[in-house]
Amino acid sequence: MHADLEYHEELLGEAKSEFSTALNEIVDSLPDEEKEEFLKLKQEILDKRRAAMEAEIKAKEAADATEPPLEAPAQETAVAESEDEYIVPDVEPQRDLPEVKENTIKKLFYKIAAKTHPDKFASSDLAPEEISRIESIFKKAKSSYENGNWYGLYTIALDLGIEIEDITMDHVDWIEDDVHHTLGRIAQIAQLVAWAWYTADDKQKKSLIRNHFSYTYGFSWTPPTD
């Protein structure tokens, strides 16, 4: 499942880029009057979205202004568990996890970061390929940490030879949670129009783009017949 998720995430950028290119090519090929109509509709939608975002920001600022200011928290200095442990800047993900899992994930991530954080190798004599490989490991660990994925960190730690605590039933429950989370992220990507278009055949591609024009912009586009 993790390999499947990595496959989706790696290709998503390419899917979005190619889908955007296909849309632009269609718009450029439209007769002048239709092209002008489409661009007008698109701009109206963008203006509405921008106005909605600005209104949301102003509402938040107004709400914040009515609240009493909070005192700045005292700065704490992180202390390494051992002399060679590298302490990374705080990365506080937005999630709601049980305290035990949260603490376990943070501790495991810091151990991995001690071996893989890019700052450790900025002035090293390692080959660029090796530095790139280590940076890739760190990025995967950081992604797992931010998503509360204990199993992702566990497998990275095993590969790095990091000592792991004994597996308990709590860890099994966490794996089940991680499975559901991973499947959910795969499903989210698979539901994107760009992904559906990217993985479709030529006939389905035309249908998806036609529907995209219709549902997103209220614009009618008829694919040319072969």
Protein backbone atom coordinates (compact mmCIF):
# COMPACT_ATOMS: atom_id res chain seq x y z
CA MET A 1 0.00 0.00 0.00
CA HIS A 2 2.83 2.40 0.76
CA ALA A 3 4.39 1.57 -2.59
CA ASP A 4 1.02 2.26 -4.23
CA LEU A 5 0.74 5.59 -2.42
CA GLU A 6 4.27 6.57 -3.46
CA TYR A 7 3.37 5.69 -7.05
CA HIS A 8 0.32 7.98 -6.92
CA GLU A 9 2.20 10.82 -5.23
CA GLU A 10 5.16 10.66 -7.61
CA LEU A 11 2.97 10.75 -10.72
CA LEU A 12 0.42 13.28 -9.45
CA GLY A 13 2.58 16.26 -10.35
CA GLU A 14 3.07 14.93 -13.86
CA ALA A 15 -0.65 14.22 -14.16
CA LYS A 16 -1.58 17.77 -13.14
CA SER A 17 1.00 19.27 -15.51
CA GLU A 18 -0.13 17.25 -18.53
CA PHE A 19 -3.80 17.85 -17.76
CA SER A 20 -3.19 21.59 -17.53
CA THR A 21 -1.28 21.51 -20.82
CA ALA A 22 -4.13 19.66 -22.52
CA LEU A 23 -6.66 22.21 -21.26
CA ASN A 24 -4.54 25.14 -22.46
CA GLU A 25 -4.12 23.57 -25.89
CA ILE A 26 -7.89 23.21 -26.21
CA VAL A 27 -8.49 26.82 -25.14
CA ASP A 28 -5.87 28.05 -27.63
CA SER A 29 -7.54 26.10 -30.41
CA LEU A 30 -10.98 27.63 -29.83
CA PRO A 31 -12.37 30.19 -32.29
CA ASP A 32 -11.79 33.74 -31.06
CA GLU A 33 -15.38 34.30 -29.89
CA GLU A 34 -15.54 31.02 -27.95
CA LYS A 35 -12.11 31.58 -26.49
CA GLU A 36 -13.12 35.04 -25.30
CA GLU A 37 -16.31 33.62 -23.78
CA PHE A 38 -14.39 30.92 -21.93
CA LEU A 39 -11.73 33.28 -20.60
CA LYS A 40 -14.47 35.61 -19.35
CA LEU A 41 -16.21 32.75 -17.51
CA LYS A 42 -12.91 31.57 -16.05
CA GLN A 43 -12.03 35.05 -14.81
CA GLU A 44 -15.44 35.46 -13.18
CA ILE A 45 -14.95 32.21 -11.29
CA LEU A 46 -11.44 33.22 -10.21
CA ASP A 47 -12.72 36.61 -9.03
CA LYS A 48 -15.46 34.95 -6.96
CA ARG A 49 -12.95 32.57 -5.36
CA ARG A 50 -10.56 35.42 -4.60
CA ALA A 51 -13.34 37.50 -3.06
CA ALA A 52 -14.43 34.56 -0.92
CA MET A 53 -10.86 34.01 0.29
CA GLU A 54 -10.41 37.70 1.11
CA ALA A 55 -13.71 37.74 3.02
CA GLU A 56 -12.61 34.68 4.99
CA ILE A 57 -9.28 36.29 5.84
CA LYS A 58 -10.95 39.53 6.96
CA ALA A 59 -13.43 37.61 9.10
CA LYS A 60 -10.58 35.74 10.77
CA GLU A 61 -8.64 38.95 11.36
CA ALA A 62 -11.72 40.55 12.90
CA ALA A 63 -12.24 37.56 15.17
CA ASP A 64 -8.60 37.59 16.24
CA ALA A 65 -8.76 41.31 16.98
CA THR A 66 -11.51 40.77 19.57
CA GLU A 67 -9.48 38.21 21.51
CA PRO A 68 -6.99 39.30 24.20
CA PRO A 69 -3.35 38.92 23.14
CA LEU A 70 -1.57 35.83 24.33
CA GLU A 71 1.79 35.93 26.02
CA ALA A 72 4.57 34.53 23.91
CA PRO A 73 5.53 31.06 25.12
CA ALA A 74 8.91 30.69 26.76
CA GLN A 75 11.57 29.36 24.44
CA GLU A 76 12.87 25.96 25.41
CA THR A 77 16.20 24.54 24.36
CA ALA A 78 16.04 21.02 23.01
CA VAL A 79 18.53 18.61 24.57
CA ALA A 80 19.85 15.65 22.59
CA GLU A 81 19.35 12.20 24.06
CA SER A 82 22.93 11.39 23.14
CA GLU A 83 25.93 13.35 21.91
CA ASP A 84 25.49 12.32 18.29
CA GLU A 85 21.71 12.86 18.11
CA TYR A 86 20.79 15.68 15.78
CA ILE A 87 17.90 17.81 16.97
CA VAL A 88 15.81 19.15 14.10
CA PRO A 89 13.66 22.31 14.22
CA ASP A 90 10.22 21.76 15.67
CA VAL A 91 7.76 20.36 13.16
CA GLU A 92 4.35 20.28 14.76
CA PRO A 93 1.88 18.51 12.47
CA GLN A 94 -1.81 19.34 12.62
CA ARG A 95 -3.40 16.10 13.76
CA ASP A 96 -5.21 14.53 16.70
CA LEU A 97 -3.36 11.44 17.96
CA PRO A 98 -3.30 9.60 21.27
CA GLU A 99 -0.52 11.01 23.45
CA VAL A 100 1.38 7.71 23.54
CA LYS A 101 1.41 7.41 19.76
CA GLU A 102 2.27 11.09 19.35
CA ASN A 103 5.27 10.80 21.67
CA THR A 104 6.44 7.54 20.09
CA ILE A 105 6.22 8.99 16.58
CA LYS A 106 8.08 12.16 17.56
CA LYS A 107 10.87 10.20 19.27
CA LEU A 108 11.25 7.87 16.28
CA PHE A 109 11.26 10.75 13.81
CA TYR A 110 13.99 12.56 15.75
CA LYS A 111 16.13 9.43 15.75
CA ILE A 112 15.74 9.15 11.98
CA ALA A 113 16.42 12.87 11.53
CA ALA A 114 19.63 12.46 13.54
CA LYS A 115 20.89 10.24 10.73
CA THR A 116 19.29 11.84 7.67
CA HIS A 117 18.65 15.58 8.15
CA PRO A 118 20.08 17.48 5.13
CA ASP A 119 21.88 20.01 7.35
CA LYS A 120 24.14 17.25 8.63
CA PHE A 121 25.55 16.65 5.16
CA ALA A 122 25.63 20.17 3.73
CA SER A 123 29.42 20.35 4.04
CA SER A 124 30.23 16.64 3.98
CA ASP A 125 32.44 14.75 1.55
CA LEU A 126 29.65 12.39 0.53
CA ALA A 127 28.91 11.94 -3.16
CA PRO A 128 25.94 13.99 -4.45
CA GLU A 129 24.05 10.77 -5.22
CA GLU A 130 24.42 9.59 -1.63
CA ILE A 131 23.33 12.97 -0.25
CA SER A 132 20.29 12.87 -2.54
CA ARG A 133 19.44 9.36 -1.30
CA ILE A 134 19.67 10.44 2.33
CA GLU A 135 17.58 13.55 1.69
CA SER A 136 14.92 11.35 0.07
CA ILE A 137 14.81 9.18 3.20
CA PHE A 138 14.43 12.27 5.38
CA LYS A 139 11.58 13.60 3.23
CA LYS A 140 9.74 10.27 3.50
CA ALA A 141 10.26 10.25 7.26
CA LYS A 142 9.04 13.84 7.57
CA SER A 143 5.94 13.00 5.49
CA SER A 144 5.19 9.97 7.70
CA TYR A 145 5.66 12.09 10.82
CA GLU A 146 3.39 14.87 9.59
CA ASN A 147 0.71 12.31 8.70
CA GLY A 148 0.97 10.47 12.02
CA ASN A 149 2.15 7.33 10.21
CA TRP A 150 4.02 5.23 12.78
CA TYR A 151 4.52 2.28 10.43
CA GLY A 152 6.18 4.46 7.79
CA LEU A 153 8.69 5.66 10.37
CA TYR A 154 9.10 2.13 11.71
CA THR A 155 10.13 0.70 8.34
CA ILE A 156 12.57 3.59 7.70
CA ALA A 157 14.10 3.10 11.15
CA LEU A 158 14.58 -0.62 10.48
CA ASP A 159 16.37 0.13 7.21
CA LEU A 160 18.67 2.58 9.03
CA GLY A 161 19.49 0.08 11.76
CA ILE A 162 17.83 2.16 14.47
CA GLU A 163 16.89 0.23 17.59
CA ILE A 164 13.12 -0.27 17.80
CA GLU A 165 11.12 -0.97 20.93
CA ASP A 166 9.31 -4.28 21.21
CA ILE A 167 6.08 -4.50 19.19
CA THR A 168 2.89 -4.47 21.27
CA MET A 169 -0.81 -4.66 20.46
CA ASP A 170 -0.85 -0.86 20.51
CA HIS A 171 1.53 -0.88 17.54
CA VAL A 172 -0.75 -3.32 15.72
CA ASP A 173 -3.66 -0.95 16.25
CA TRP A 174 -1.53 1.92 14.91
CA ILE A 175 -0.73 -0.11 11.80
CA GLU A 176 -4.44 -0.59 11.19
CA ASP A 177 -4.96 3.16 11.53
CA ASP A 178 -2.07 3.79 9.12
CA VAL A 179 -3.59 1.35 6.62
CA HIS A 180 -6.90 3.24 6.62
CA HIS A 181 -5.10 6.57 6.34
CA THR A 182 -2.95 5.35 3.43
CA LEU A 183 -5.95 3.95 1.57
CA GLY A 184 -7.78 7.23 2.13
CA ARG A 185 -4.93 9.28 0.64
CA ILE A 186 -4.74 6.97 -2.38
CA ALA A 187 -8.50 7.31 -2.87
CA GLN A 188 -8.28 11.12 -2.66
CA ILE A 189 -5.65 11.23 -5.40
CA ALA A 190 -7.53 8.73 -7.56
CA GLN A 191 -10.65 10.92 -7.42
CA LEU A 192 -8.89 13.99 -8.83
CA VAL A 193 -9.91 14.90 -12.37
CA ALA A 194 -6.27 15.29 -13.39
CA TRP A 195 -5.47 11.78 -12.18
CA ALA A 196 -8.54 10.23 -13.80
CA TRP A 197 -7.62 11.97 -17.08
CA TYR A 198 -3.97 10.93 -16.83
CA THR A 199 -4.82 7.24 -16.42
CA ALA A 200 -7.67 7.16 -18.99
CA ASP A 201 -7.64 6.13 -22.65
CA ASP A 202 -8.03 8.73 -25.42
CA LYS A 203 -11.82 8.44 -25.59
CA GLN A 204 -12.22 8.79 -21.83
CA LYS A 205 -9.79 11.74 -21.82
CA LYS A 206 -12.06 13.71 -24.17
CA SER A 207 -15.13 12.92 -22.08
CA LEU A 208 -13.39 13.94 -18.84
CA ILE A 209 -12.20 17.24 -20.27
CA ARG A 210 -15.64 17.98 -21.71
CA ASN A 211 -17.21 17.37 -18.32
CA HIS A 212 -14.51 19.45 -16.64
CA PHE A 213 -15.28 22.44 -18.84
CA SER A 214 -18.99 22.01 -18.21
CA TYR A 215 -18.96 21.47 -14.42
CA THR A 216 -16.11 23.84 -13.53
CA TYR A 217 -16.73 26.74 -15.90
CA GLY A 218 -20.24 26.18 -17.24
CA PHE A 219 -18.69 26.12 -20.70
CA SER A 220 -19.74 23.77 -23.46
CA TRP A 221 -16.86 22.19 -25.38
CA THR A 222 -17.37 19.51 -28.02
CA PRO A 223 -14.36 17.32 -28.79
CA PRO A 224 -13.51 17.22 -32.51
CA THR A 225 -14.45 14.01 -34.27
CA ASP A 226 -11.59 11.84 -35.52
